Each structure stands twice: as C-alpha cells, then as structure tokens.
C-alpha cells in the first residue's frame, strides 16, 4: 500500500511529463521533417552545382586534350617524314652503289671474255 500512496503523489506529475514529451515530440517531428527537406534541397543543389562545374570545365579540358593529341600527331608525322627522307637517301646511295658495281661488272666482263 505504501507504494500506491507514493505513486499517487507523483501520478499527476508523470502524466504532465508524458503529455509534455508527447507535445514536444509532435512539434520536433515537424521541425525535423522541415530540416530534412531543407537538407535534401541543399544536397540536390550541391549536386547540381557539381555537375554544372564539371560541365563548365569540360570544354577547356577537351580543348587541352585535343591540342595535346594534335601536337603528338604532328611530332609523330615530322619524325616519320624525317625517317622517310633518310630511307630515300639511303635507297639512292644503294642504287648508286649497285649501278657502280654493275658497270664495274660489265666492264670486267668485257675485258675478260
């Protein structure tokens, strides 16, 4: 019985505490929902900003890559042209050597029938 007497003294306070907590929960739920919505909007805005920045940055990066590749192909073309010129000179040198040796052979055959 002593416990019931003890609880009777505090039952009103417990009910008031419970109702206060319930009201606080309801109002905080609305506030939390508004905060979550605001955060979602901010996050969406940040994502859009990141994509916009990436797309704004795309043309200069593309232009740089294009210029780098163009320069690389120009260098490769110049090197190949130099190699072609070198090989043409070497071919001409071998042609001359061949013709000289051929003339020498023909001359030798004419002198030694």
Protein backbone atom coordinates (compact mmCIF):
# COMPACT_ATOMS: atom_id res chain seq x y z
CA UNK A 1 0.00 0.00 0.00
CA UNK A 2 2.85 2.33 0.73
CA UNK A 3 3.90 2.07 -2.87
CA UNK A 4 0.41 3.05 -4.12
CA UNK A 5 0.41 6.05 -1.79
CA UNK A 6 3.84 7.01 -3.08
CA UNK A 7 2.70 6.66 -6.73
CA UNK A 8 -0.49 8.71 -6.12
CA UNK A 9 1.64 11.70 -5.17
CA UNK A 10 3.58 11.60 -8.44
CA UNK A 11 0.94 10.35 -10.94
CA UNK A 12 -0.11 13.88 -11.88
CA UNK A 13 3.49 14.87 -12.47
CA UNK A 14 4.11 11.72 -14.54
CA UNK A 15 1.06 12.46 -16.72
CA UNK A 16 2.18 16.09 -17.18
CA UNK A 17 5.68 14.88 -18.07
CA UNK A 18 4.26 12.36 -20.55
CA UNK A 19 1.98 14.96 -22.20
CA UNK A 20 4.84 17.47 -22.37
CA UNK A 21 7.07 14.87 -24.00
CA UNK A 22 4.32 13.95 -26.48
CA UNK A 23 3.73 17.59 -27.46
CA UNK A 24 7.50 18.14 -27.75
CA UNK A 25 7.77 15.01 -29.94
CA UNK A 26 5.00 16.23 -32.28
CA UNK A 27 6.50 19.71 -32.72
CA UNK A 28 10.04 18.39 -33.07
CA UNK A 29 8.84 15.87 -35.68
CA UNK A 30 7.55 18.74 -37.84
CA UNK A 31 10.76 20.70 -37.30
CA UNK A 32 12.88 17.64 -38.10
CA UNK A 33 10.85 17.00 -41.27
CA UNK A 34 11.40 20.61 -42.36
CA UNK A 35 15.12 20.32 -41.59
CA UNK A 36 15.37 17.07 -43.56
CA UNK A 37 13.57 18.66 -46.52
CA UNK A 38 15.88 21.69 -46.38
CA UNK A 39 18.92 19.43 -46.20
CA UNK A 40 17.69 17.39 -49.18
CA UNK A 41 17.18 20.58 -51.18
CA UNK A 42 20.68 21.81 -50.25
CA UNK A 43 22.19 18.45 -51.17
CA UNK A 44 20.35 18.46 -54.51
CA UNK A 45 21.55 22.00 -55.13
CA UNK A 46 25.13 20.94 -54.34
CA UNK A 47 24.88 18.00 -56.74
CA UNK A 48 23.55 20.26 -59.50
CA UNK A 49 26.39 22.72 -58.81
CA UNK A 50 28.97 19.92 -59.01
CA UNK A 51 27.58 18.72 -62.36
CA UNK A 52 27.44 22.29 -63.66
CA UNK A 53 31.06 22.87 -62.62
CA UNK A 54 32.09 19.61 -64.27
CA UNK A 55 30.27 20.53 -67.49
CA UNK A 56 31.67 24.07 -67.46
CA UNK A 57 35.15 22.61 -67.05
CA UNK A 58 34.65 20.09 -69.87
CA UNK A 59 35.33 22.32 -72.94
CA UNK A 60 38.72 23.61 -71.70
CA UNK A 61 39.80 20.09 -70.73
CA UNK A 62 38.62 18.75 -74.10
CA UNK A 63 40.42 21.56 -75.93
CA UNK A 64 43.65 20.85 -73.99
CA UNK A 65 43.46 17.11 -74.73
CA UNK A 66 42.71 17.84 -78.39
CA UNK A 67 45.69 20.21 -78.65
CA UNK A 68 47.96 17.70 -76.87
CA UNK A 69 46.92 14.95 -79.29
CA UNK A 70 47.35 17.26 -82.26
CA UNK A 71 50.84 18.15 -81.10
CA UNK A 72 51.66 14.49 -80.56
CA UNK A 73 50.45 13.57 -84.07
CA UNK A 74 52.38 16.48 -85.57
CA UNK A 75 55.57 15.30 -83.86
CA UNK A 76 54.96 11.73 -85.00
CA UNK A 77 54.31 12.94 -88.56
CA UNK A 78 57.52 15.01 -88.55
CA UNK A 79 59.55 12.06 -87.25
CA UNK A 80 58.08 9.73 -89.88
CA UNK A 81 58.78 12.24 -92.67
CA UNK A 82 62.38 12.55 -91.48
CA UNK A 83 62.67 8.77 -91.44
CA UNK A 84 61.21 8.59 -94.98
CA UNK A 85 63.72 11.19 -96.19
CA UNK A 86 66.58 9.26 -94.55
CA UNK A 87 65.44 6.00 -96.13
CA UNK A 88 65.11 7.65 -99.56
CA UNK A 89 68.68 8.94 -99.29
CA UNK A 90 69.87 5.53 -98.22
CA UNK A 91 67.99 3.93 -101.12
CA UNK A 92 69.60 6.37 -103.55
CA UNK A 93 73.00 5.57 -102.07
CA UNK A 94 72.41 1.82 -102.52
CA UNK A 95 71.15 2.40 -106.07
CA UNK A 96 74.31 4.31 -106.86
CA UNK A 97 76.45 1.55 -105.33
CA UNK A 98 74.53 -1.06 -107.28
CA UNK A 99 74.87 0.83 -110.56
CA UNK A 100 78.60 1.38 -109.93
CA UNK A 101 79.13 -2.30 -109.20
CA UNK A 102 77.05 -3.26 -112.22
CA UNK A 103 79.07 -1.00 -114.50
CA UNK A 104 82.24 -2.40 -113.00
CA UNK A 105 80.98 -5.94 -113.57
CA UNK A 106 80.01 -5.19 -117.18
CA UNK A 107 83.40 -3.58 -117.74
CA UNK A 108 85.13 -6.59 -116.18
CA UNK A 109 83.13 -8.99 -118.38
CA UNK A 110 84.04 -7.02 -121.48
CA UNK A 111 87.70 -7.06 -120.56
CA UNK A 112 87.68 -10.77 -119.66
CA UNK A 113 85.53 -12.63 -122.16
